[in-house]
Every structure is written in structure tokens, then in C-alpha cells.
C-alpha atoms as a PDB file:
ATOM      1  CA  UNK A   1       3.200  -4.791  12.526  1.00  0.00           C
ATOM      2  CA  UNK A   2       5.910  -7.441  12.724  1.00  0.00           C
ATOM      3  CA  UNK A   3       7.157  -6.506   9.250  1.00  0.00           C
ATOM      4  CA  UNK A   4       7.592  -2.906  10.382  1.00  0.00           C
ATOM      5  CA  UNK A   5       9.436  -3.947  13.533  1.00  0.00           C
ATOM      6  CA  UNK A   6      11.796  -6.086  11.461  1.00  0.00           C
ATOM      7  CA  UNK A   7      12.296  -3.236   8.962  1.00  0.00           C
ATOM      8  CA  UNK A   8      13.133  -0.866  11.818  1.00  0.00           C
ATOM      9  CA  UNK A   9      15.523  -3.374  13.344  1.00  0.00           C
ATOM     10  CA  UNK A  10      17.331  -3.845  10.020  1.00  0.00           C
ATOM     11  CA  UNK A  11      17.473  -0.169   9.030  1.00  0.00           C
ATOM     12  CA  UNK A  12      18.552   1.409  12.323  1.00  0.00           C
ATOM     13  CA  UNK A  13      22.030  -0.193  12.523  1.00  0.00           C
ATOM     14  CA  UNK A  14      22.721   0.621   8.855  1.00  0.00           C
ATOM     15  CA  UNK A  15      21.729   4.277   8.876  1.00  0.00           C
ATOM     16  CA  UNK A  16      21.490   7.013  11.439  1.00  0.00           C
ATOM     17  CA  UNK A  17      17.913   7.335  12.646  1.00  0.00           C
ATOM     18  CA  UNK A  18      15.974  10.155  11.038  1.00  0.00           C
ATOM     19  CA  UNK A  19      12.447  10.812   9.825  1.00  0.00           C
ATOM     20  CA  UNK A  20      13.483  10.043   6.249  1.00  0.00           C
ATOM     21  CA  UNK A  21      14.984   6.681   7.241  1.00  0.00           C
ATOM     22  CA  UNK A  22      11.846   5.775   9.228  1.00  0.00           C
ATOM     23  CA  UNK A  23       9.647   6.774   6.286  1.00  0.00           C
ATOM     24  CA  UNK A  24      11.744   4.788   3.804  1.00  0.00           C
ATOM     25  CA  UNK A  25      11.698   1.697   6.031  1.00  0.00           C
ATOM     26  CA  UNK A  26       7.930   1.969   6.435  1.00  0.00           C
ATOM     27  CA  UNK A  27       7.336   2.350   2.703  1.00  0.00           C
ATOM     28  CA  UNK A  28       9.636  -0.561   1.928  1.00  0.00           C
ATOM     29  CA  UNK A  29       7.981  -2.818   4.518  1.00  0.00           C
ATOM     30  CA  UNK A  30       4.429  -2.005   3.403  1.00  0.00           C
ATOM     31  CA  UNK A  31       5.400  -2.172  -0.276  1.00  0.00           C
ATOM     32  CA  UNK A  32       7.098  -5.531   0.040  1.00  0.00           C
ATOM     33  CA  UNK A  33       4.302  -7.157   1.991  1.00  0.00           C
ATOM     34  CA  UNK A  34       1.469  -5.856  -0.205  1.00  0.00           C
ATOM     35  CA  UNK A  35       3.506  -6.018  -3.423  1.00  0.00           C
ATOM     36  CA  UNK A  36       4.269  -9.690  -2.917  1.00  0.00           C
ATOM     37  CA  UNK A  37       0.553 -10.393  -2.528  1.00  0.00           C
ATOM     38  CA  UNK A  38      -0.210  -8.483  -5.730  1.00  0.00           C
ATOM     39  CA  UNK A  39       2.518 -10.415  -7.560  1.00  0.00           C
ATOM     40  CA  UNK A  40       1.003 -13.665  -6.338  1.00  0.00           C
ATOM     41  CA  UNK A  41      -2.410 -12.580  -7.665  1.00  0.00           C
ATOM     42  CA  UNK A  42      -0.914 -11.859 -11.096  1.00  0.00           C
ATOM     43  CA  UNK A  43       0.932 -15.186 -11.048  1.00  0.00           C
ATOM     44  CA  UNK A  44      -2.258 -17.080 -10.261  1.00  0.00           C
ATOM     45  CA  UNK A  45      -4.093 -15.218 -13.025  1.00  0.00           C
ATOM     46  CA  UNK A  46      -1.371 -16.232 -15.507  1.00  0.00           C
ATOM     47  CA  UNK A  47      -1.783 -19.879 -14.475  1.00  0.00           C
ATOM     48  CA  UNK A  48      -5.541 -19.739 -15.043  1.00  0.00           C
ATOM     49  CA  UNK A  49      -5.171 -17.993 -18.400  1.00  0.00           C
ATOM     50  CA  UNK A  50      -2.623 -20.573 -19.555  1.00  0.00           C
ATOM     51  CA  UNK A  51      -5.089 -23.292 -18.634  1.00  0.00           C
ATOM     52  CA  UNK A  52      -7.596 -21.814 -21.070  1.00  0.00           C
ATOM     53  CA  UNK A  53      -7.444 -22.770 -24.715  1.00  0.00           C
ATOM     54  CA  UNK A  54      -6.716 -19.228 -26.004  1.00  0.00           C
ATOM     55  CA  UNK A  55      -3.440 -18.956 -24.082  1.00  0.00           C
ATOM     56  CA  UNK A  56      -1.504 -21.143 -26.493  1.00  0.00           C
ATOM     57  CA  UNK A  57      -1.388 -18.399 -29.130  1.00  0.00           C
ATOM     58  CA  UNK A  58      -0.551 -15.546 -26.723  1.00  0.00           C
ATOM     59  CA  UNK A  59       2.791 -13.840 -26.410  1.00  0.00           C
ATOM     60  CA  UNK A  60       4.341 -12.960 -23.069  1.00  0.00           C
ATOM     61  CA  UNK A  61       3.181  -9.340 -23.046  1.00  0.00           C
ATOM     62  CA  UNK A  62      -0.370 -10.193 -24.039  1.00  0.00           C
ATOM     63  CA  UNK A  63      -0.504 -12.922 -21.397  1.00  0.00           C
ATOM     64  CA  UNK A  64       0.732 -10.515 -18.713  1.00  0.00           C
ATOM     65  CA  UNK A  65      -1.720  -7.866 -19.893  1.00  0.00           C
ATOM     66  CA  UNK A  66      -4.704 -10.208 -19.593  1.00  0.00           C
ATOM     67  CA  UNK A  67      -3.468 -11.458 -16.206  1.00  0.00           C
ATOM     68  CA  UNK A  68      -3.184  -7.861 -15.006  1.00  0.00           C
ATOM     69  CA  UNK A  69      -6.774  -7.198 -16.033  1.00  0.00           C
ATOM     70  CA  UNK A  70      -8.002 -10.405 -14.417  1.00  0.00           C
ATOM     71  CA  UNK A  71      -6.272  -9.674 -11.101  1.00  0.00           C
ATOM     72  CA  UNK A  72      -7.138  -5.951 -11.050  1.00  0.00           C
ATOM     73  CA  UNK A  73      -9.555  -6.275  -8.137  1.00  0.00           C
ATOM     74  CA  UNK A  74      -6.987  -8.048  -5.966  1.00  0.00           C
ATOM     75  CA  UNK A  75      -4.281  -5.530  -6.851  1.00  0.00           C
ATOM     76  CA  UNK A  76      -6.570  -2.659  -5.873  1.00  0.00           C
ATOM     77  CA  UNK A  77      -7.373  -4.425  -2.584  1.00  0.00           C
ATOM     78  CA  UNK A  78      -3.666  -4.632  -1.767  1.00  0.00           C
ATOM     79  CA  UNK A  79      -3.185  -0.942  -2.646  1.00  0.00           C
ATOM     80  CA  UNK A  80      -6.010  -0.028  -0.281  1.00  0.00           C
ATOM     81  CA  UNK A  81      -4.527  -2.247   2.441  1.00  0.00           C
ATOM     82  CA  UNK A  82      -1.232  -0.402   2.044  1.00  0.00           C
ATOM     83  CA  UNK A  83      -3.027   2.947   2.423  1.00  0.00           C
ATOM     84  CA  UNK A  84      -4.845   1.734   5.528  1.00  0.00           C
ATOM     85  CA  UNK A  85      -1.541   0.481   6.931  1.00  0.00           C
ATOM     86  CA  UNK A  86       0.007   3.946   6.820  1.00  0.00           C
ATOM     87  CA  UNK A  87      -0.760   4.767  10.487  1.00  0.00           C
ATOM     88  CA  UNK A  88       0.783   1.455  11.483  1.00  0.00           C
ATOM     89  CA  UNK A  89       3.894   2.547   9.592  1.00  0.00           C
ATOM     90  CA  UNK A  90       4.232   5.383  12.069  1.00  0.00           C
ATOM     91  CA  UNK A  91       5.161   2.689  14.604  1.00  0.00           C
ATOM     92  CA  UNK A  92       8.754   3.006  13.417  1.00  0.00           C
ATOM     93  CA  UNK A  93       8.632   6.740  14.029  1.00  0.00           C
ATOM     94  CA  UNK A  94       6.283   6.554  17.023  1.00  0.00           C
ATOM     95  CA  UNK A  95       8.525   8.486  19.442  1.00  0.00           C
ATOM     96  CA  UNK A  96       8.886  11.377  16.983  1.00  0.00           C
ATOM     97  CA  UNK A  97       5.181  11.256  16.099  1.00  0.00           C
ATOM     98  CA  UNK A  98       4.112  11.381  19.744  1.00  0.00           C
ATOM     99  CA  UNK A  99       6.556  14.186  20.439  1.00  0.00           C
ATOM    100  CA  UNK A 100       5.233  16.214  17.518  1.00  0.00           C
ATOM    101  CA  UNK A 101       1.612  15.607  18.544  1.00  0.00           C
ATOM    102  CA  UNK A 102       2.403  16.629  22.114  1.00  0.00           C
ATOM    103  CA  UNK A 103       4.041  19.836  20.865  1.00  0.00           C
ATOM    104  CA  UNK A 104       1.065  20.611  18.631  1.00  0.00           C
ATOM    105  CA  UNK A 105      -1.446  19.830  21.382  1.00  0.00           C
ATOM    106  CA  UNK A 106       0.423  22.030  23.864  1.00  0.00           C
ATOM    107  CA  UNK A 107      -0.322  25.098  21.707  1.00  0.00           C
ATOM    108  CA  UNK A 108      -4.009  24.288  21.315  1.00  0.00           C
ATOM    109  CA  UNK A 109      -6.838  24.267  23.783  1.00  0.00           C
ATOM    110  CA  UNK A 110      -7.347  20.521  23.714  1.00  0.00           C
ATOM    111  CA  UNK A 111      -5.910  17.292  22.460  1.00  0.00           C
ATOM    112  CA  UNK A 112      -9.312  16.011  21.419  1.00  0.00           C
ATOM    113  CA  UNK A 113      -9.457  18.631  18.676  1.00  0.00           C
ATOM    114  CA  UNK A 114      -6.005  17.751  17.361  1.00  0.00           C
ATOM    115  CA  UNK A 115      -6.642  14.014  17.392  1.00  0.00           C
ATOM    116  CA  UNK A 116     -10.087  14.508  15.816  1.00  0.00           C
ATOM    117  CA  UNK A 117      -8.525  16.522  12.985  1.00  0.00           C
ATOM    118  CA  UNK A 118      -5.904  13.813  12.559  1.00  0.00           C
ATOM    119  CA  UNK A 119      -8.645  11.166  12.361  1.00  0.00           C
ATOM    120  CA  UNK A 120     -10.604  13.204   9.800  1.00  0.00           C
ATOM    121  CA  UNK A 121      -7.443  13.731   7.737  1.00  0.00           C
ATOM    122  CA  UNK A 122      -6.588  10.025   7.800  1.00  0.00           C
ATOM    123  CA  UNK A 123     -10.168   9.067   6.849  1.00  0.00           C
ATOM    124  CA  UNK A 124     -10.124  11.557   3.971  1.00  0.00           C
ATOM    125  CA  UNK A 125      -6.785  10.215   2.718  1.00  0.00           C
ATOM    126  CA  UNK A 126      -8.083   6.627   2.760  1.00  0.00           C
ATOM    127  CA  UNK A 127     -11.276   7.697   0.954  1.00  0.00           C
ATOM    128  CA  UNK A 128      -9.258   9.437  -1.763  1.00  0.00           C
ATOM    129  CA  UNK A 129      -6.991   6.398  -2.139  1.00  0.00           C
ATOM    130  CA  UNK A 130     -10.014   4.089  -2.420  1.00  0.00           C
ATOM    131  CA  UNK A 131     -11.548   6.366  -5.083  1.00  0.00           C
ATOM    132  CA  UNK A 132      -8.291   6.543  -7.080  1.00  0.00           C
ATOM    133  CA  UNK A 133      -7.845   2.774  -6.788  1.00  0.00           C
ATOM    134  CA  UNK A 134     -11.387   2.262  -8.090  1.00  0.00           C
ATOM    135  CA  UNK A 135     -10.547   4.369 -11.139  1.00  0.00           C
ATOM    136  CA  UNK A 136      -7.301   2.417 -11.563  1.00  0.00           C
ATOM    137  CA  UNK A 137      -9.181  -0.892 -11.379  1.00  0.00           C
ATOM    138  CA  UNK A 138     -11.659   0.293 -14.022  1.00  0.00           C
ATOM    139  CA  UNK A 139      -8.750   1.306 -16.248  1.00  0.00           C
ATOM    140  CA  UNK A 140      -7.027  -2.063 -15.809  1.00  0.00           C
ATOM    141  CA  UNK A 141     -10.194  -4.009 -16.488  1.00  0.00           C
ATOM    142  CA  UNK A 142     -11.065  -1.959 -19.599  1.00  0.00           C
ATOM    143  CA  UNK A 143      -7.614  -1.729 -21.151  1.00  0.00           C
ATOM    144  CA  UNK A 144      -6.565  -5.309 -20.423  1.00  0.00           C
ATOM    145  CA  UNK A 145      -9.824  -7.062 -21.235  1.00  0.00           C
ATOM    146  CA  UNK A 146      -9.689 -10.088 -23.514  1.00  0.00           C
ATOM    147  CA  UNK A 147     -10.223  -9.352 -27.169  1.00  0.00           C
END
């Protein structure tokens, strides 16, 4: 949450506020925080691979490839965290989001229905992201496995 507040504070003076600016700031904030964790996981995997005896004969690309496979589970966890953080990213655009939800709810019979549909949509999006990330992890582990 603090990362998103800082991103909003930095972006707003530079650019006129719009939905696109809020979205870009949210993506950048979530990407930087989760991307740095994924980079740290790869870095730690490289250190452990170098400590093994087989690392002395490896080139840079092969070393990175094996480290990517070894840290695949952590990378997928950070991707899922980023997907779960998407509603928090709406904090930057909270006034516009609440205004839009109020407008939508004013045309329907009840807000409970609208918010329930929003919850179901968000849950479905997270489930799809988790499924895709599982496939991505399997791909990383298979294609970057040690020979």
C-alpha cells in the first residue's frame, strides 16, 4: 500500500491525473516491488549454483537458465502476489473507482449484486492467473532443468 501511495505522490505532479496515469503508476509500483523480489530469488539461485561443483564449467547463459529453473516457484509466487495486489492498485484511482461503482449501482436494483459480481470477477481473474502461473512454472522447471 505504501508503495502505491509513493507512486501516486511521484506521478501526480509530473503528469495530469487520468485513468491511464493511475494505471501506469499502479503497474510500475506492483512490478517494481514484486520484480525486485523475483530478481533476488534468481540472484540467490545463481549463488547456490556457483557453489556447486558443476558451475565452474557453465557459461553465463547456462548459469542464468539453471537459476531461472531453480527459482521458478518463487517467481510464480511473486507473479501471483502481483495479481492479488491488483485491487490494492485501485487505491491510486479510488475516487474514480468509487464514482464509477456508484454510477453503476444507481442503475441497478442493489449494490450487493454489483459488488458480488465484482468479487466473482476478481476471484476468477486470480484463479486464471494462478493457473497460468502454474503452467509457466512447469515450463520453467522443464526447460531449464539441469542436464
